[in-house]
Amino acid sequence: MTTYHGSVKVGGPPAVRELPHLIITKVAVGAMDNDCYLLRCRATGEQLLIDAANDAQTLLTLIGSDGLGQVLTTHRHADHWQALEEVVARTGATTLAGRFDADGVPVPTDRLLADGDTVTVGDVELSAIHLAGHTPGSIALVYDDPQGHPHLFTGDCLFPGGVGNTFGDDEAFRTLLAGVEEKIFGRLPDETWVYPGHGNDTTLGAERPQLGVWRERGW
């Protein structure tokens, strides 16, 4: 079995991580190197896509003939939903987005997510985490693997080296950092694997020592 590394490039092969109950496939698409994640329940084959960001054909090929049950848009920024309309039209997938961001996503949202809501993919359950600051209603998803460590899909709220862009808004930065510290670093262990909306993966253990640095620099 190929070791999962989490490093993908636009036009390159996806990276696949096989957990006991869930298969995670990561692919990069579009001019902004967006990361998209296809989650597949091993028991039922049901699938959920996190961010139909761009390049619908690449995503549809990834989804394959088994179809797509749901697609979650992590937040309202346009680089995260360029392929959403086509993917939904081709698959009939149910759409999910944060309660406070859905009005900024141009495809109707079937299910509005709030903090603590459960998202089910076949026999697998994930929990929604609402994080304000990068946008009003960004949603992260955490899968607490019963046979391993948690897996956290953060959209653009947490990356290697810092939280998401708050565009020079000091209050938005403080809000986002506080949410990330309380709801992510305050609740999840260092072993938690982080899958961001762009770029390479990281772990909470790798990032935790830098929280004070982020707070001091203000971004």
N, C-alpha and C. Protein backbone atom coordinates (compact mmCIF):
# COMPACT_ATOMS: atom_id res chain seq x y z
N MET A 1 0.85 -1.20 0.00
CA MET A 1 0.00 0.00 0.00
C MET A 1 0.88 1.25 0.00
N THR A 2 0.56 2.21 -0.86
CA THR A 2 1.32 3.45 -0.93
C THR A 2 1.09 4.29 0.33
N THR A 3 2.16 4.82 0.88
CA THR A 3 2.05 5.66 2.07
C THR A 3 1.43 6.99 1.71
N TYR A 4 0.42 7.41 2.48
CA TYR A 4 -0.22 8.70 2.23
C TYR A 4 0.72 9.82 2.67
N HIS A 5 0.86 10.83 1.82
CA HIS A 5 1.75 11.95 2.11
C HIS A 5 1.03 13.30 2.11
N GLY A 6 -0.12 13.38 1.46
CA GLY A 6 -0.89 14.61 1.46
C GLY A 6 -0.37 15.70 0.56
N SER A 7 0.64 15.42 -0.27
CA SER A 7 1.19 16.41 -1.19
C SER A 7 0.70 16.11 -2.60
N VAL A 8 -0.12 16.99 -3.14
CA VAL A 8 -0.68 16.79 -4.48
C VAL A 8 -0.47 18.05 -5.31
N LYS A 9 -0.47 17.87 -6.63
CA LYS A 9 -0.30 18.99 -7.55
C LYS A 9 -1.40 18.97 -8.60
N VAL A 10 -1.78 20.13 -9.08
CA VAL A 10 -2.79 20.22 -10.13
C VAL A 10 -2.31 19.44 -11.35
N GLY A 11 -3.15 18.57 -11.86
CA GLY A 11 -2.81 17.74 -12.99
C GLY A 11 -2.11 16.45 -12.62
N GLY A 12 -1.74 16.33 -11.36
CA GLY A 12 -1.06 15.13 -10.89
C GLY A 12 -2.02 14.13 -10.29
N PRO A 13 -1.50 12.99 -9.86
CA PRO A 13 -2.37 11.95 -9.30
C PRO A 13 -2.89 12.34 -7.93
N PRO A 14 -4.04 11.81 -7.55
CA PRO A 14 -4.54 12.04 -6.20
C PRO A 14 -3.72 11.28 -5.17
N ALA A 15 -3.86 11.67 -3.93
CA ALA A 15 -3.27 10.95 -2.80
C ALA A 15 -4.40 10.24 -2.07
N VAL A 16 -4.21 8.98 -1.75
CA VAL A 16 -5.28 8.17 -1.16
C VAL A 16 -4.84 7.66 0.21
N ARG A 17 -5.69 7.86 1.20
CA ARG A 17 -5.44 7.37 2.55
C ARG A 17 -6.55 6.40 2.92
N GLU A 18 -6.17 5.18 3.25
CA GLU A 18 -7.14 4.14 3.58
C GLU A 18 -7.16 3.90 5.08
N LEU A 19 -8.25 4.31 5.72
CA LEU A 19 -8.47 4.07 7.13
C LEU A 19 -9.37 2.84 7.28
N PRO A 20 -9.52 2.31 8.48
CA PRO A 20 -10.35 1.11 8.65
C PRO A 20 -11.78 1.27 8.15
N HIS A 21 -12.37 2.47 8.34
CA HIS A 21 -13.77 2.66 7.97
C HIS A 21 -13.98 3.71 6.88
N LEU A 22 -12.94 4.43 6.52
CA LEU A 22 -13.09 5.57 5.61
C LEU A 22 -11.88 5.64 4.68
N ILE A 23 -12.15 5.93 3.41
CA ILE A 23 -11.09 6.19 2.44
C ILE A 23 -11.11 7.68 2.11
N ILE A 24 -9.98 8.33 2.24
CA ILE A 24 -9.84 9.76 1.97
C ILE A 24 -8.98 9.93 0.72
N THR A 25 -9.52 10.61 -0.29
CA THR A 25 -8.77 10.87 -1.51
C THR A 25 -8.64 12.38 -1.69
N LYS A 26 -7.42 12.84 -1.86
CA LYS A 26 -7.12 14.27 -1.99
C LYS A 26 -6.63 14.56 -3.39
N VAL A 27 -7.16 15.64 -3.98
CA VAL A 27 -6.74 16.05 -5.31
C VAL A 27 -6.66 17.57 -5.34
N ALA A 28 -5.74 18.10 -6.14
CA ALA A 28 -5.59 19.55 -6.30
C ALA A 28 -6.17 19.98 -7.65
N VAL A 29 -6.89 21.11 -7.66
CA VAL A 29 -7.52 21.59 -8.89
C VAL A 29 -7.43 23.11 -8.96
N GLY A 30 -7.47 23.64 -10.18
CA GLY A 30 -7.65 25.07 -10.40
C GLY A 30 -6.38 25.90 -10.27
N ALA A 31 -6.51 27.16 -10.66
CA ALA A 31 -5.38 28.08 -10.68
C ALA A 31 -4.89 28.44 -9.29
N MET A 32 -5.73 28.24 -8.27
CA MET A 32 -5.33 28.56 -6.90
C MET A 32 -4.95 27.31 -6.11
N ASP A 33 -4.72 26.22 -6.82
CA ASP A 33 -4.26 24.97 -6.18
C ASP A 33 -5.16 24.56 -5.01
N ASN A 34 -6.45 24.55 -5.28
CA ASN A 34 -7.37 24.14 -4.23
C ASN A 34 -7.30 22.64 -3.97
N ASP A 35 -7.39 22.27 -2.71
CA ASP A 35 -7.47 20.87 -2.33
C ASP A 35 -8.94 20.46 -2.20
N CYS A 36 -9.29 19.35 -2.82
CA CYS A 36 -10.62 18.75 -2.69
C CYS A 36 -10.45 17.36 -2.10
N TYR A 37 -11.41 16.95 -1.30
CA TYR A 37 -11.31 15.68 -0.60
C TYR A 37 -12.58 14.86 -0.84
N LEU A 38 -12.39 13.63 -1.31
CA LEU A 38 -13.50 12.70 -1.47
C LEU A 38 -13.43 11.69 -0.34
N LEU A 39 -14.49 11.63 0.45
CA LEU A 39 -14.56 10.68 1.56
C LEU A 39 -15.50 9.54 1.17
N ARG A 40 -15.06 8.32 1.37
CA ARG A 40 -15.84 7.15 0.98
C ARG A 40 -15.95 6.18 2.16
N CYS A 41 -17.17 5.86 2.53
CA CYS A 41 -17.40 4.86 3.57
C CYS A 41 -17.05 3.48 3.01
N ARG A 42 -16.17 2.78 3.70
CA ARG A 42 -15.74 1.48 3.21
C ARG A 42 -16.87 0.46 3.25
N ALA A 43 -17.78 0.58 4.21
CA ALA A 43 -18.83 -0.42 4.38
C ALA A 43 -19.94 -0.27 3.35
N THR A 44 -20.30 0.97 3.03
CA THR A 44 -21.47 1.21 2.18
C THR A 44 -21.13 1.75 0.80
N GLY A 45 -19.94 2.32 0.63
CA GLY A 45 -19.58 2.94 -0.63
C GLY A 45 -20.11 4.34 -0.80
N GLU A 46 -20.86 4.84 0.18
CA GLU A 46 -21.39 6.21 0.08
C GLU A 46 -20.24 7.20 0.09
N GLN A 47 -20.39 8.31 -0.67
CA GLN A 47 -19.31 9.27 -0.82
C GLN A 47 -19.77 10.70 -0.53
N LEU A 48 -18.85 11.49 0.02
CA LEU A 48 -19.04 12.91 0.25
C LEU A 48 -17.82 13.64 -0.29
N LEU A 49 -18.05 14.73 -1.00
CA LEU A 49 -16.98 15.56 -1.53
C LEU A 49 -16.89 16.83 -0.71
N ILE A 50 -15.69 17.17 -0.27
CA ILE A 50 -15.45 18.43 0.41
C ILE A 50 -14.86 19.41 -0.60
N ASP A 51 -15.64 20.41 -0.96
CA ASP A 51 -15.31 21.49 -1.89
C ASP A 51 -15.19 21.04 -3.35
N ALA A 52 -16.22 21.34 -4.12
CA ALA A 52 -16.16 21.17 -5.58
C ALA A 52 -15.54 22.44 -6.14
N ALA A 53 -14.24 22.55 -5.95
CA ALA A 53 -13.56 23.84 -6.12
C ALA A 53 -13.40 24.26 -7.57
N ASN A 54 -13.05 23.31 -8.44
CA ASN A 54 -12.76 23.64 -9.83
C ASN A 54 -12.62 22.34 -10.59
N ASP A 55 -12.54 22.43 -11.94
CA ASP A 55 -12.25 21.28 -12.79
C ASP A 55 -13.23 20.14 -12.52
N ALA A 56 -14.48 20.37 -12.89
CA ALA A 56 -15.53 19.39 -12.62
C ALA A 56 -15.20 18.02 -13.17
N GLN A 57 -14.56 17.96 -14.33
CA GLN A 57 -14.29 16.65 -14.93
C GLN A 57 -13.34 15.83 -14.07
N THR A 58 -12.32 16.47 -13.53
CA THR A 58 -11.40 15.76 -12.63
C THR A 58 -12.15 15.23 -11.42
N LEU A 59 -13.03 16.03 -10.87
CA LEU A 59 -13.79 15.61 -9.69
C LEU A 59 -14.77 14.49 -10.03
N LEU A 60 -15.43 14.59 -11.17
CA LEU A 60 -16.38 13.55 -11.58
C LEU A 60 -15.66 12.23 -11.85
N THR A 61 -14.48 12.31 -12.42
CA THR A 61 -13.68 11.09 -12.64
C THR A 61 -13.30 10.47 -11.30
N LEU A 62 -12.94 11.32 -10.35
CA LEU A 62 -12.59 10.85 -9.02
C LEU A 62 -13.79 10.17 -8.35
N ILE A 63 -14.95 10.78 -8.50
CA ILE A 63 -16.18 10.24 -7.89
C ILE A 63 -16.53 8.88 -8.49
N GLY A 64 -16.39 8.76 -9.78
CA GLY A 64 -16.62 7.49 -10.45
C GLY A 64 -18.08 7.10 -10.57
N SER A 65 -18.30 5.85 -10.91
CA SER A 65 -19.64 5.38 -11.23
C SER A 65 -20.52 5.11 -10.02
N ASP A 66 -19.94 5.12 -8.82
CA ASP A 66 -20.74 4.86 -7.62
C ASP A 66 -21.53 6.07 -7.17
N GLY A 67 -21.29 7.21 -7.77
CA GLY A 67 -22.09 8.39 -7.48
C GLY A 67 -21.63 9.13 -6.23
N LEU A 68 -22.30 10.24 -5.99
CA LEU A 68 -21.96 11.15 -4.89
C LEU A 68 -23.22 11.47 -4.10
N GLY A 69 -23.17 11.20 -2.80
CA GLY A 69 -24.34 11.47 -1.96
C GLY A 69 -24.43 12.91 -1.52
N GLN A 70 -23.29 13.51 -1.17
CA GLN A 70 -23.28 14.85 -0.61
C GLN A 70 -22.03 15.60 -1.07
N VAL A 71 -22.15 16.92 -1.12
CA VAL A 71 -20.98 17.77 -1.35
C VAL A 71 -21.06 18.94 -0.37
N LEU A 72 -19.99 19.10 0.38
CA LEU A 72 -19.90 20.16 1.39
C LEU A 72 -19.01 21.28 0.86
N THR A 73 -19.51 22.51 0.90
CA THR A 73 -18.70 23.69 0.58
C THR A 73 -18.24 24.29 1.89
N THR A 74 -16.93 24.32 2.11
CA THR A 74 -16.42 24.76 3.41
C THR A 74 -16.69 26.23 3.69
N HIS A 75 -16.71 27.05 2.63
CA HIS A 75 -16.99 28.47 2.84
C HIS A 75 -17.32 29.13 1.51
N ARG A 76 -17.69 30.38 1.59
CA ARG A 76 -18.30 31.08 0.45
C ARG A 76 -17.33 31.57 -0.62
N HIS A 77 -16.05 31.57 -0.40
CA HIS A 77 -15.12 32.13 -1.39
C HIS A 77 -15.18 31.35 -2.69
N ALA A 78 -15.15 32.11 -3.79
CA ALA A 78 -15.47 31.55 -5.10
C ALA A 78 -14.54 30.44 -5.55
N ASP A 79 -13.28 30.46 -5.10
CA ASP A 79 -12.37 29.40 -5.55
C ASP A 79 -12.73 28.04 -4.97
N HIS A 80 -13.69 27.99 -4.06
CA HIS A 80 -14.09 26.71 -3.44
C HIS A 80 -15.39 26.15 -4.01
N TRP A 81 -16.00 26.85 -4.98
CA TRP A 81 -17.26 26.31 -5.53
C TRP A 81 -17.38 26.45 -7.05
N GLN A 82 -16.30 26.65 -7.76
CA GLN A 82 -16.38 26.85 -9.20
C GLN A 82 -17.01 25.66 -9.94
N ALA A 83 -16.80 24.45 -9.44
CA ALA A 83 -17.34 23.26 -10.11
C ALA A 83 -18.60 22.73 -9.45
N LEU A 84 -19.10 23.44 -8.45
CA LEU A 84 -20.22 22.92 -7.67
C LEU A 84 -21.47 22.70 -8.50
N GLU A 85 -21.82 23.68 -9.33
CA GLU A 85 -23.05 23.57 -10.11
C GLU A 85 -23.02 22.35 -11.03
N GLU A 86 -21.90 22.15 -11.72
CA GLU A 86 -21.82 21.02 -12.64
C GLU A 86 -21.78 19.69 -11.89
N VAL A 87 -21.04 19.62 -10.81
CA VAL A 87 -20.97 18.37 -10.04
C VAL A 87 -22.34 17.99 -9.51
N VAL A 88 -23.07 18.96 -8.99
CA VAL A 88 -24.41 18.68 -8.48
C VAL A 88 -25.35 18.27 -9.60
N ALA A 89 -25.27 18.97 -10.73
CA ALA A 89 -26.13 18.64 -11.87
C ALA A 89 -25.88 17.22 -12.37
N ARG A 90 -24.63 16.81 -12.35
CA ARG A 90 -24.27 15.49 -12.88
C ARG A 90 -24.50 14.36 -11.89
N THR A 91 -24.49 14.66 -10.60
CA THR A 91 -24.58 13.60 -9.58
C THR A 91 -25.86 13.63 -8.77
N GLY A 92 -26.54 14.77 -8.73
CA GLY A 92 -27.72 14.89 -7.88
C GLY A 92 -27.39 14.94 -6.40
N ALA A 93 -26.15 15.25 -6.07
CA ALA A 93 -25.71 15.25 -4.67
C ALA A 93 -26.43 16.31 -3.85
N THR A 94 -26.67 15.99 -2.60
CA THR A 94 -27.19 16.95 -1.63
C THR A 94 -26.08 17.94 -1.28
N THR A 95 -26.43 19.22 -1.20
CA THR A 95 -25.44 20.26 -0.91
C THR A 95 -25.50 20.67 0.55
N LEU A 96 -24.32 20.88 1.13
CA LEU A 96 -24.19 21.32 2.51
C LEU A 96 -23.26 22.53 2.56
N ALA A 97 -23.57 23.46 3.45
CA ALA A 97 -22.71 24.63 3.68
C ALA A 97 -23.05 25.20 5.04
N GLY A 98 -22.14 26.03 5.56
CA GLY A 98 -22.37 26.67 6.84
C GLY A 98 -23.56 27.61 6.81
N ARG A 99 -24.26 27.66 7.91
CA ARG A 99 -25.48 28.47 8.01
C ARG A 99 -25.23 29.93 7.66
N PHE A 100 -24.07 30.45 8.01
CA PHE A 100 -23.80 31.86 7.81
C PHE A 100 -23.01 32.15 6.54
N ASP A 101 -22.76 31.13 5.73
CA ASP A 101 -22.06 31.33 4.46
C ASP A 101 -22.88 30.91 3.25
N ALA A 102 -23.97 30.20 3.47
CA ALA A 102 -24.71 29.62 2.36
C ALA A 102 -25.23 30.67 1.38
N ASP A 103 -25.55 31.86 1.88
CA ASP A 103 -26.07 32.89 0.97
C ASP A 103 -25.01 33.42 0.03
N GLY A 104 -23.75 33.10 0.28
CA GLY A 104 -22.67 33.51 -0.62
C GLY A 104 -22.25 32.42 -1.58
N VAL A 105 -22.92 31.28 -1.54
CA VAL A 105 -22.65 30.17 -2.46
C VAL A 105 -23.77 30.16 -3.50
N PRO A 106 -23.46 30.28 -4.79
CA PRO A 106 -24.50 30.49 -5.80
C PRO A 106 -25.31 29.25 -6.18
N VAL A 107 -25.04 28.13 -5.57
CA VAL A 107 -25.85 26.92 -5.76
C VAL A 107 -26.66 26.72 -4.48
N PRO A 108 -27.97 26.52 -4.59
CA PRO A 108 -28.79 26.38 -3.38
C PRO A 108 -28.26 25.30 -2.43
N THR A 109 -28.30 25.61 -1.14
CA THR A 109 -27.82 24.69 -0.12
C THR A 109 -28.99 23.90 0.44
N ASP A 110 -28.89 22.58 0.37
CA ASP A 110 -29.96 21.72 0.88
C ASP A 110 -29.95 21.59 2.40
N ARG A 111 -28.76 21.62 2.99
CA ARG A 111 -28.65 21.48 4.44
C ARG A 111 -27.69 22.52 4.98
N LEU A 112 -28.19 23.33 5.90
CA LEU A 112 -27.39 24.35 6.55
C LEU A 112 -26.74 23.76 7.79
N LEU A 113 -25.44 23.92 7.93
CA LEU A 113 -24.71 23.33 9.04
C LEU A 113 -24.41 24.37 10.11
N ALA A 114 -24.55 23.94 11.36
CA ALA A 114 -24.18 24.75 12.52
C ALA A 114 -23.14 24.00 13.33
N ASP A 115 -22.53 24.69 14.26
CA ASP A 115 -21.50 24.10 15.09
C ASP A 115 -22.03 22.87 15.82
N GLY A 116 -21.30 21.76 15.69
CA GLY A 116 -21.68 20.53 16.37
C GLY A 116 -22.59 19.61 15.60
N ASP A 117 -23.07 20.04 14.45
CA ASP A 117 -23.93 19.16 13.64
C ASP A 117 -23.15 17.93 13.17
N THR A 118 -23.88 16.84 13.02
CA THR A 118 -23.29 15.59 12.54
C THR A 118 -23.51 15.46 11.04
N VAL A 119 -22.47 15.07 10.34
CA VAL A 119 -22.55 14.77 8.91
C VAL A 119 -22.23 13.28 8.77
N THR A 120 -23.15 12.54 8.17
CA THR A 120 -23.01 11.10 8.06
C THR A 120 -22.66 10.70 6.64
N VAL A 121 -21.65 9.86 6.51
CA VAL A 121 -21.25 9.30 5.21
C VAL A 121 -21.32 7.78 5.37
N GLY A 122 -22.42 7.19 4.96
CA GLY A 122 -22.61 5.77 5.20
C GLY A 122 -22.62 5.49 6.68
N ASP A 123 -21.71 4.63 7.14
CA ASP A 123 -21.62 4.29 8.56
C ASP A 123 -20.68 5.20 9.33
N VAL A 124 -20.12 6.19 8.67
CA VAL A 124 -19.13 7.07 9.28
C VAL A 124 -19.78 8.39 9.68
N GLU A 125 -19.45 8.88 10.87
CA GLU A 125 -19.96 10.15 11.34
C GLU A 125 -18.84 11.16 11.50
N LEU A 126 -19.09 12.38 11.01
CA LEU A 126 -18.17 13.49 11.19
C LEU A 126 -18.92 14.61 11.89
N SER A 127 -18.18 15.50 12.54
CA SER A 127 -18.79 16.60 13.27
C SER A 127 -18.38 17.93 12.65
N ALA A 128 -19.36 18.83 12.51
CA ALA A 128 -19.10 20.15 11.94
C ALA A 128 -18.60 21.11 13.02
N ILE A 129 -17.61 21.92 12.65
CA ILE A 129 -17.07 22.95 13.54
C ILE A 129 -17.22 24.29 12.83
N HIS A 130 -17.98 25.19 13.42
CA HIS A 130 -18.16 26.53 12.84
C HIS A 130 -17.00 27.42 13.29
N LEU A 131 -16.32 28.04 12.33
CA LEU A 131 -15.20 28.94 12.61
C LEU A 131 -15.41 30.25 11.85
N ALA A 132 -15.63 31.31 12.56
CA ALA A 132 -15.80 32.63 11.94
C ALA A 132 -14.46 33.35 11.88
N GLY A 133 -14.33 34.24 10.91
CA GLY A 133 -13.13 35.07 10.79
C GLY A 133 -12.62 35.13 9.37
N HIS A 134 -12.33 33.96 8.78
CA HIS A 134 -11.96 33.95 7.35
C HIS A 134 -13.19 34.31 6.54
N THR A 135 -14.31 33.72 6.88
CA THR A 135 -15.64 34.12 6.41
C THR A 135 -16.56 34.00 7.62
N PRO A 136 -17.80 34.50 7.52
CA PRO A 136 -18.69 34.40 8.68
C PRO A 136 -19.08 32.97 9.06
N GLY A 137 -19.13 32.09 8.06
CA GLY A 137 -19.72 30.77 8.33
C GLY A 137 -18.89 29.59 7.89
N SER A 138 -17.56 29.71 7.91
CA SER A 138 -16.71 28.59 7.51
C SER A 138 -16.99 27.36 8.36
N ILE A 139 -16.93 26.19 7.72
CA ILE A 139 -17.17 24.93 8.40
C ILE A 139 -15.95 24.01 8.22
N ALA A 140 -15.43 23.53 9.34
CA ALA A 140 -14.45 22.45 9.34
C ALA A 140 -15.18 21.16 9.70
N LEU A 141 -14.62 20.04 9.28
CA LEU A 141 -15.21 18.74 9.61
C LEU A 141 -14.15 17.88 10.29
N VAL A 142 -14.55 17.19 11.36
CA VAL A 142 -13.62 16.30 12.04
C VAL A 142 -14.19 14.89 12.08
N TYR A 143 -13.35 13.94 11.71
CA TYR A 143 -13.67 12.52 11.82
C TYR A 143 -12.78 11.94 12.90
N ASP A 144 -13.39 11.50 13.99
CA ASP A 144 -12.64 10.91 15.10
C ASP A 144 -12.57 9.41 14.88
N ASP A 145 -11.50 8.97 14.25
CA ASP A 145 -11.34 7.57 13.89
C ASP A 145 -11.31 6.71 15.15
N PRO A 146 -12.27 5.78 15.33
CA PRO A 146 -12.28 4.97 16.54
C PRO A 146 -11.08 4.03 16.65
N GLN A 147 -10.37 3.84 15.55
CA GLN A 147 -9.20 2.96 15.57
C GLN A 147 -7.90 3.72 15.30
N GLY A 148 -7.95 5.02 15.52
CA GLY A 148 -6.76 5.83 15.26
C GLY A 148 -6.92 7.21 15.83
N HIS A 149 -6.38 8.20 15.13
CA HIS A 149 -6.43 9.59 15.59
C HIS A 149 -7.47 10.37 14.78
N PRO A 150 -7.85 11.56 15.23
CA PRO A 150 -8.80 12.37 14.48
C PRO A 150 -8.22 12.87 13.16
N HIS A 151 -9.13 13.13 12.22
CA HIS A 151 -8.80 13.69 10.91
C HIS A 151 -9.66 14.93 10.73
N LEU A 152 -9.01 16.06 10.47
CA LEU A 152 -9.67 17.36 10.48
C LEU A 152 -9.53 18.05 9.13
N PHE A 153 -10.66 18.39 8.53
CA PHE A 153 -10.71 19.08 7.24
C PHE A 153 -11.05 20.54 7.53
N THR A 154 -10.09 21.44 7.29
CA THR A 154 -10.20 22.80 7.82
C THR A 154 -10.59 23.86 6.81
N GLY A 155 -10.79 23.52 5.55
CA GLY A 155 -11.05 24.57 4.57
C GLY A 155 -9.91 25.56 4.58
N ASP A 156 -10.24 26.86 4.66
CA ASP A 156 -9.20 27.88 4.69
C ASP A 156 -9.02 28.49 6.07
N CYS A 157 -9.38 27.76 7.12
CA CYS A 157 -9.28 28.30 8.48
C CYS A 157 -7.98 27.95 9.19
N LEU A 158 -7.30 26.89 8.75
CA LEU A 158 -6.05 26.50 9.38
C LEU A 158 -5.15 25.83 8.35
N PHE A 159 -3.90 26.30 8.31
CA PHE A 159 -2.90 25.79 7.37
C PHE A 159 -1.61 25.49 8.13
N PRO A 160 -0.66 24.81 7.50
CA PRO A 160 0.68 24.78 8.07
C PRO A 160 1.21 26.21 8.19
N GLY A 161 1.52 26.64 9.39
CA GLY A 161 2.10 27.96 9.58
C GLY A 161 1.15 29.06 9.97
N GLY A 162 -0.14 28.76 10.10
CA GLY A 162 -1.05 29.83 10.53
C GLY A 162 -2.50 29.58 10.23
N VAL A 163 -3.33 30.52 10.71
CA VAL A 163 -4.75 30.47 10.40
C VAL A 163 -4.99 31.10 9.03
N GLY A 164 -6.23 31.04 8.57
CA GLY A 164 -6.56 31.57 7.26
C GLY A 164 -6.46 33.09 7.19
N ASN A 165 -6.46 33.58 5.97
CA ASN A 165 -6.36 35.01 5.71
C ASN A 165 -7.57 35.75 6.27
N THR A 166 -7.33 36.81 7.03
CA THR A 166 -8.44 37.65 7.51
C THR A 166 -8.34 39.05 6.91
N PHE A 167 -7.53 39.21 5.88
CA PHE A 167 -7.53 40.37 5.00
C PHE A 167 -7.31 41.69 5.74
N GLY A 168 -6.41 41.65 6.73
CA GLY A 168 -6.05 42.85 7.46
C GLY A 168 -7.04 43.29 8.51
N ASP A 169 -8.08 42.51 8.74
CA ASP A 169 -9.10 42.84 9.73
C ASP A 169 -8.66 42.25 11.08
N ASP A 170 -8.22 43.11 11.99
CA ASP A 170 -7.69 42.64 13.26
C ASP A 170 -8.73 41.89 14.08
N GLU A 171 -9.96 42.38 14.07
CA GLU A 171 -11.01 41.71 14.85
C GLU A 171 -11.33 40.34 14.27
N ALA A 172 -11.35 40.25 12.94
CA ALA A 172 -11.60 38.95 12.31
C ALA A 172 -10.48 37.97 12.64
N PHE A 173 -9.24 38.45 12.67
CA PHE A 173 -8.11 37.58 13.03
C PHE A 173 -8.26 37.08 14.46
N ARG A 174 -8.58 37.97 15.38
CA ARG A 174 -8.74 37.56 16.78
C ARG A 174 -9.87 36.55 16.91
N THR A 175 -10.95 36.76 16.17
CA THR A 175 -12.09 35.84 16.22
C THR A 175 -11.69 34.48 15.69
N LEU A 176 -11.00 34.46 14.55
CA LEU A 176 -10.62 33.18 13.96
C LEU A 176 -9.62 32.45 14.85
N LEU A 177 -8.60 33.15 15.33
CA LEU A 177 -7.61 32.49 16.17
C LEU A 177 -8.25 31.95 17.45
N ALA A 178 -9.14 32.73 18.04
CA ALA A 178 -9.81 32.26 19.26
C ALA A 178 -10.63 31.01 18.99
N GLY A 179 -11.33 30.98 17.84
CA GLY A 179 -12.11 29.80 17.49
C GLY A 179 -11.24 28.59 17.24
N VAL A 180 -10.15 28.80 16.54
CA VAL A 180 -9.22 27.69 16.25
C VAL A 180 -8.60 27.17 17.54
N GLU A 181 -8.22 28.09 18.45
CA GLU A 181 -7.62 27.65 19.71
C GLU A 181 -8.64 26.89 20.57
N GLU A 182 -9.85 27.41 20.66
CA GLU A 182 -10.85 26.79 21.54
C GLU A 182 -11.40 25.49 20.96
N LYS A 183 -11.82 25.54 19.70
CA LYS A 183 -12.58 24.43 19.13
C LYS A 183 -11.71 23.35 18.49
N ILE A 184 -10.48 23.69 18.16
CA ILE A 184 -9.59 22.72 17.51
C ILE A 184 -8.45 22.34 18.45
N PHE A 185 -7.54 23.28 18.75
CA PHE A 185 -6.41 22.94 19.61
C PHE A 185 -6.84 22.61 21.03
N GLY A 186 -7.95 23.21 21.48
CA GLY A 186 -8.41 22.95 22.84
C GLY A 186 -9.14 21.64 23.00
N ARG A 187 -9.54 21.01 21.92
CA ARG A 187 -10.35 19.80 22.01
C ARG A 187 -9.70 18.56 21.38
N LEU A 188 -8.77 18.78 20.48
CA LEU A 188 -8.23 17.66 19.71
C LEU A 188 -6.76 17.44 20.04
N PRO A 189 -6.29 16.20 19.96
CA PRO A 189 -4.90 15.89 20.33
C PRO A 189 -3.91 16.26 19.25
N ASP A 190 -2.64 16.24 19.64
CA ASP A 190 -1.57 16.58 18.71
C ASP A 190 -1.53 15.67 17.50
N GLU A 191 -1.99 14.42 17.65
CA GLU A 191 -1.94 13.46 16.55
C GLU A 191 -2.95 13.78 15.44
N THR A 192 -3.86 14.70 15.69
CA THR A 192 -4.88 15.05 14.71
C THR A 192 -4.23 15.48 13.39
N TRP A 193 -4.65 14.84 12.31
CA TRP A 193 -4.14 15.15 10.98
C TRP A 193 -5.00 16.25 10.37
N VAL A 194 -4.36 17.28 9.83
CA VAL A 194 -5.06 18.44 9.29
C VAL A 194 -4.99 18.42 7.77
N TYR A 195 -6.16 18.48 7.14
CA TYR A 195 -6.28 18.53 5.68
C TYR A 195 -6.81 19.92 5.30
N PRO A 196 -5.95 20.82 4.81
CA PRO A 196 -6.38 22.19 4.53
C PRO A 196 -6.97 22.36 3.13
N GLY A 197 -7.47 23.57 2.88
CA GLY A 197 -8.08 23.86 1.59
C GLY A 197 -7.10 24.15 0.47
N HIS A 198 -5.85 24.37 0.80
CA HIS A 198 -4.77 24.57 -0.17
C HIS A 198 -3.50 23.99 0.43
N GLY A 199 -2.64 23.45 -0.42
CA GLY A 199 -1.31 23.06 0.03
C GLY A 199 -1.23 21.75 0.77
N ASN A 200 -0.11 21.58 1.46
CA ASN A 200 0.19 20.32 2.13
C ASN A 200 -0.55 20.18 3.45
N ASP A 201 -0.65 18.95 3.90
CA ASP A 201 -1.27 18.65 5.19
C ASP A 201 -0.30 18.98 6.32
N THR A 202 -0.83 18.91 7.56
CA THR A 202 -0.01 19.08 8.74
C THR A 202 -0.67 18.31 9.88
N THR A 203 -0.16 18.47 11.08
CA THR A 203 -0.79 17.92 12.27
C THR A 203 -0.93 19.03 13.30
N LEU A 204 -1.83 18.84 14.26
CA LEU A 204 -1.96 19.84 15.31
C LEU A 204 -0.69 19.91 16.16
N GLY A 205 -0.03 18.78 16.32
CA GLY A 205 1.21 18.79 17.09
C GLY A 205 2.30 19.63 16.46
N ALA A 206 2.35 19.64 15.13
CA ALA A 206 3.35 20.44 14.43
C ALA A 206 3.05 21.93 14.55
N GLU A 207 1.77 22.28 14.65
CA GLU A 207 1.37 23.69 14.65
C GLU A 207 1.21 24.28 16.05
N ARG A 208 0.89 23.46 17.03
CA ARG A 208 0.57 23.97 18.38
C ARG A 208 1.66 24.88 18.97
N PRO A 209 2.95 24.55 18.82
CA PRO A 209 3.97 25.43 19.42
C PRO A 209 4.01 26.83 18.85
N GLN A 210 3.36 27.05 17.70
CA GLN A 210 3.42 28.35 17.03
C GLN A 210 2.25 29.26 17.35
N LEU A 211 1.31 28.81 18.18
CA LEU A 211 0.11 29.61 18.43
C LEU A 211 0.46 31.00 18.98
N GLY A 212 1.41 31.06 19.89
CA GLY A 212 1.82 32.35 20.44
C GLY A 212 2.44 33.25 19.39
N VAL A 213 3.20 32.66 18.48
CA VAL A 213 3.81 33.42 17.39
C VAL A 213 2.72 34.01 16.51
N TRP A 214 1.73 33.23 16.18
CA TRP A 214 0.64 33.72 15.33
C TRP A 214 -0.08 34.89 16.02
N ARG A 215 -0.34 34.72 17.30
CA ARG A 215 -1.05 35.76 18.05
C ARG A 215 -0.25 37.05 18.05
N GLU A 216 1.06 36.94 18.25
CA GLU A 216 1.92 38.11 18.34
C GLU A 216 2.02 38.82 16.99
N ARG A 217 2.13 38.07 15.91
CA ARG A 217 2.32 38.71 14.60
C ARG A 217 0.99 39.24 14.03
N GLY A 218 -0.13 38.71 14.47
CA GLY A 218 -1.43 39.24 14.07
C GLY A 218 -1.95 38.74 12.74
N TRP A 219 -1.40 37.60 12.29
CA TRP A 219 -1.92 36.98 11.07
C TRP A 219 -1.53 35.51 11.06
